[in-house]
Amino acid sequence: MKRIILSIALLFSAAGIYAQSSNSANTGKIPEGTIIYTVEWKLPEQMQAMASSFPKELTVYFKGDS
């Protein structure tokens, strides 16, 4: 009897893990990657001289659930 209950519990656990892994693959979630933003600065006249030193693109790296 213990063997049957243990087998059923393992079967349900394996099915749950499989469903979880295949579900996350099919939902369109991307587990890691890079996002590149193009930036346009609207600066006051006092800061126009520094505009050339500001970045034109910002890169964000992400991994996991962040």
Protein backbone atom coordinates (compact mmCIF):
# COMPACT_ATOMS: atom_id res chain seq x y z
CA MET A 1 0.00 0.00 0.00
CA LYS A 2 2.83 2.40 0.86
CA ARG A 3 4.48 1.61 -2.44
CA ILE A 4 1.31 2.51 -4.39
CA ILE A 5 0.85 5.80 -2.52
CA LEU A 6 4.52 6.69 -3.02
CA SER A 7 4.29 5.85 -6.73
CA ILE A 8 1.20 8.03 -7.15
CA ALA A 9 2.83 10.91 -5.26
CA LEU A 10 5.95 10.70 -7.44
CA LEU A 11 3.81 10.54 -10.57
CA PHE A 12 1.89 13.69 -9.59
CA SER A 13 5.13 15.48 -8.68
CA ALA A 14 6.73 14.62 -12.01
CA ALA A 15 3.60 15.67 -13.88
CA GLY A 16 3.53 18.98 -12.00
CA ILE A 17 7.17 19.72 -12.72
CA TYR A 18 6.70 18.87 -16.40
CA ALA A 19 3.58 21.05 -16.64
CA GLN A 20 5.37 23.95 -14.97
CA SER A 21 8.38 23.77 -17.30
CA SER A 22 6.36 23.39 -20.49
CA ASN A 23 3.91 26.10 -19.40
CA SER A 24 6.66 28.70 -18.92
CA ALA A 25 8.11 27.83 -22.33
CA ASN A 26 4.77 28.39 -24.05
CA THR A 27 3.70 31.64 -22.39
CA GLY A 28 6.09 33.81 -24.36
CA LYS A 29 8.28 34.69 -21.38
CA ILE A 30 11.88 35.33 -22.26
CA PRO A 31 14.21 33.98 -19.55
CA GLU A 32 17.12 36.31 -20.36
CA GLY A 33 18.18 38.91 -22.87
CA THR A 34 19.13 42.48 -23.65
CA ILE A 35 17.02 45.60 -24.10
CA ILE A 36 18.54 48.62 -25.86
CA TYR A 37 16.82 51.97 -25.41
CA THR A 38 17.52 54.95 -27.69
CA VAL A 39 17.59 58.14 -25.63
CA GLU A 40 16.82 61.70 -26.71
CA TRP A 41 17.74 64.33 -24.16
CA LYS A 42 15.65 67.50 -23.76
CA LEU A 43 18.02 69.77 -21.91
CA PRO A 44 17.79 73.37 -20.77
CA GLU A 45 20.07 75.87 -22.48
CA GLN A 46 22.55 75.81 -19.60
CA MET A 47 23.22 72.09 -20.19
CA GLN A 48 23.37 72.06 -24.02
CA ALA A 49 27.17 72.15 -23.93
CA MET A 50 27.22 68.84 -22.01
CA ALA A 51 24.77 67.07 -24.35
CA SER A 52 27.58 65.46 -26.36
CA SER A 53 28.82 63.61 -23.26
CA PHE A 54 25.40 62.02 -22.52
CA PRO A 55 24.75 58.51 -23.87
CA LYS A 56 22.61 58.02 -26.97
CA GLU A 57 21.71 54.42 -26.04
CA LEU A 58 21.09 52.64 -22.75
CA THR A 59 21.54 48.87 -22.52
CA VAL A 60 19.74 46.75 -19.93
CA TYR A 61 20.65 43.09 -19.41
CA PHE A 62 18.11 40.87 -17.66
CA LYS A 63 18.07 37.28 -16.53
CA GLY A 64 15.52 35.18 -14.70
CA ASP A 65 12.41 36.80 -13.31
CA SER A 66 13.75 40.34 -13.12
